[in-house]
Amino acid sequence: MCRSIKTLRPPMTPEVGEEDIRAAALQYVRKVSGFRAPAAHNQAVFDEAVDAVADATARLLDGLVVKSGPAHA
């Protein structure tokens, strides 16, 4: 249904943009909802969920403190 969500925190991904965060949020909502593209009557709640996940992800990444060197995933 969708590709894997990649790790966005530094140093795993040194340059993370809004587009990266939004793509991860979209993948998450698609996976959880089971819909790649929602029906018209679900579009608003789907979009709200993507926005909420993207906002939470941005706050998480902004708040993380990474003290060690590169991690191995």
C-alpha atoms as a PDB file:
ATOM      1  CA  MET A   1       0.000   0.000   0.000  1.00  0.00           C
ATOM      2  CA  CYS A   2       2.784   2.474   0.829  1.00  0.00           C
ATOM      3  CA  ARG A   3       6.519   2.632   1.195  1.00  0.00           C
ATOM      4  CA  SER A   4       8.152   2.584   4.584  1.00  0.00           C
ATOM      5  CA  ILE A   5       8.333   5.791   6.542  1.00  0.00           C
ATOM      6  CA  LYS A   6      11.976   6.806   6.842  1.00  0.00           C
ATOM      7  CA  THR A   7      13.684   8.117   9.955  1.00  0.00           C
ATOM      8  CA  LEU A   8      13.657  11.917   9.859  1.00  0.00           C
ATOM      9  CA  ARG A   9      15.784  12.857  12.859  1.00  0.00           C
ATOM     10  CA  PRO A  10      19.380  13.969  12.547  1.00  0.00           C
ATOM     11  CA  PRO A  11      21.890  12.506  11.986  1.00  0.00           C
ATOM     12  CA  MET A  12      19.905   9.831  10.140  1.00  0.00           C
ATOM     13  CA  THR A  13      18.470  12.505   7.842  1.00  0.00           C
ATOM     14  CA  PRO A  14      20.501  15.706   8.181  1.00  0.00           C
ATOM     15  CA  GLU A  15      18.226  17.955   6.105  1.00  0.00           C
ATOM     16  CA  VAL A  16      14.534  17.526   6.885  1.00  0.00           C
ATOM     17  CA  GLY A  17      12.066  19.806   5.181  1.00  0.00           C
ATOM     18  CA  GLU A  18       8.353  20.393   5.471  1.00  0.00           C
ATOM     19  CA  GLU A  19       7.842  18.195   2.409  1.00  0.00           C
ATOM     20  CA  ASP A  20       9.576  15.256   4.147  1.00  0.00           C
ATOM     21  CA  ILE A  21       7.428  15.686   7.254  1.00  0.00           C
ATOM     22  CA  ARG A  22       4.233  15.938   5.218  1.00  0.00           C
ATOM     23  CA  ALA A  23       5.108  12.829   3.184  1.00  0.00           C
ATOM     24  CA  ALA A  24       5.700  10.823   6.369  1.00  0.00           C
ATOM     25  CA  ALA A  25       2.418  12.084   7.846  1.00  0.00           C
ATOM     26  CA  LEU A  26       0.543  11.132   4.693  1.00  0.00           C
ATOM     27  CA  GLN A  27       2.072   7.637   4.722  1.00  0.00           C
ATOM     28  CA  TYR A  28       1.110   7.195   8.374  1.00  0.00           C
ATOM     29  CA  VAL A  29      -2.504   8.277   7.835  1.00  0.00           C
ATOM     30  CA  ARG A  30      -2.789   6.066   4.761  1.00  0.00           C
ATOM     31  CA  LYS A  31      -1.510   3.073   6.716  1.00  0.00           C
ATOM     32  CA  VAL A  32      -3.714   3.651   9.761  1.00  0.00           C
ATOM     33  CA  SER A  33      -6.871   4.411   7.762  1.00  0.00           C
ATOM     34  CA  GLY A  34      -6.341   1.709   5.165  1.00  0.00           C
ATOM     35  CA  PHE A  35      -7.102   4.211   2.389  1.00  0.00           C
ATOM     36  CA  ARG A  36      -4.580   5.364  -0.203  1.00  0.00           C
ATOM     37  CA  ALA A  37      -7.042   8.036  -1.284  1.00  0.00           C
ATOM     38  CA  PRO A  38     -10.167   8.640   0.790  1.00  0.00           C
ATOM     39  CA  ALA A  39     -13.649   8.951  -0.657  1.00  0.00           C
ATOM     40  CA  ALA A  40     -14.963  12.501  -0.998  1.00  0.00           C
ATOM     41  CA  HIS A  41     -17.034  12.170   2.193  1.00  0.00           C
ATOM     42  CA  ASN A  42     -13.855  11.277   4.153  1.00  0.00           C
ATOM     43  CA  GLN A  43     -11.482  13.779   2.526  1.00  0.00           C
ATOM     44  CA  ALA A  44     -11.799  16.521   5.167  1.00  0.00           C
ATOM     45  CA  VAL A  45     -11.120  14.240   8.140  1.00  0.00           C
ATOM     46  CA  PHE A  46      -8.278  12.545   6.232  1.00  0.00           C
ATOM     47  CA  ASP A  47      -6.652  15.926   5.483  1.00  0.00           C
ATOM     48  CA  GLU A  48      -7.117  17.048   9.099  1.00  0.00           C
ATOM     49  CA  ALA A  49      -5.369  13.897  10.284  1.00  0.00           C
ATOM     50  CA  VAL A  50      -2.441  14.460   7.916  1.00  0.00           C
ATOM     51  CA  ASP A  51      -2.121  18.056   9.172  1.00  0.00           C
ATOM     52  CA  ALA A  52      -2.240  16.947  12.820  1.00  0.00           C
ATOM     53  CA  VAL A  53       0.368  14.221  12.327  1.00  0.00           C
ATOM     54  CA  ALA A  54       2.630  16.597  10.384  1.00  0.00           C
ATOM     55  CA  ASP A  55       2.359  19.219  13.155  1.00  0.00           C
ATOM     56  CA  ALA A  56       3.098  16.644  15.860  1.00  0.00           C
ATOM     57  CA  THR A  57       6.051  15.315  13.856  1.00  0.00           C
ATOM     58  CA  ALA A  58       7.516  18.803  13.393  1.00  0.00           C
ATOM     59  CA  ARG A  59       7.191  19.484  17.140  1.00  0.00           C
ATOM     60  CA  LEU A  60       8.812  16.147  17.945  1.00  0.00           C
ATOM     61  CA  LEU A  61      11.755  16.749  15.619  1.00  0.00           C
ATOM     62  CA  ASP A  62      12.198  20.314  16.906  1.00  0.00           C
ATOM     63  CA  GLY A  63      12.254  19.081  20.505  1.00  0.00           C
ATOM     64  CA  LEU A  64      14.587  16.115  20.158  1.00  0.00           C
ATOM     65  CA  VAL A  65      18.082  16.418  21.598  1.00  0.00           C
ATOM     66  CA  VAL A  66      20.545  14.086  19.890  1.00  0.00           C
ATOM     67  CA  LYS A  67      23.699  13.666  21.980  1.00  0.00           C
ATOM     68  CA  SER A  68      25.387  10.710  20.304  1.00  0.00           C
ATOM     69  CA  GLY A  69      26.910  10.096  16.936  1.00  0.00           C
ATOM     70  CA  PRO A  70      25.147   8.476  14.021  1.00  0.00           C
ATOM     71  CA  ALA A  71      22.802   5.680  15.042  1.00  0.00           C
ATOM     72  CA  HIS A  72      22.490   2.490  13.087  1.00  0.00           C
ATOM     73  CA  ALA A  73      18.953   1.622  12.048  1.00  0.00           C
END
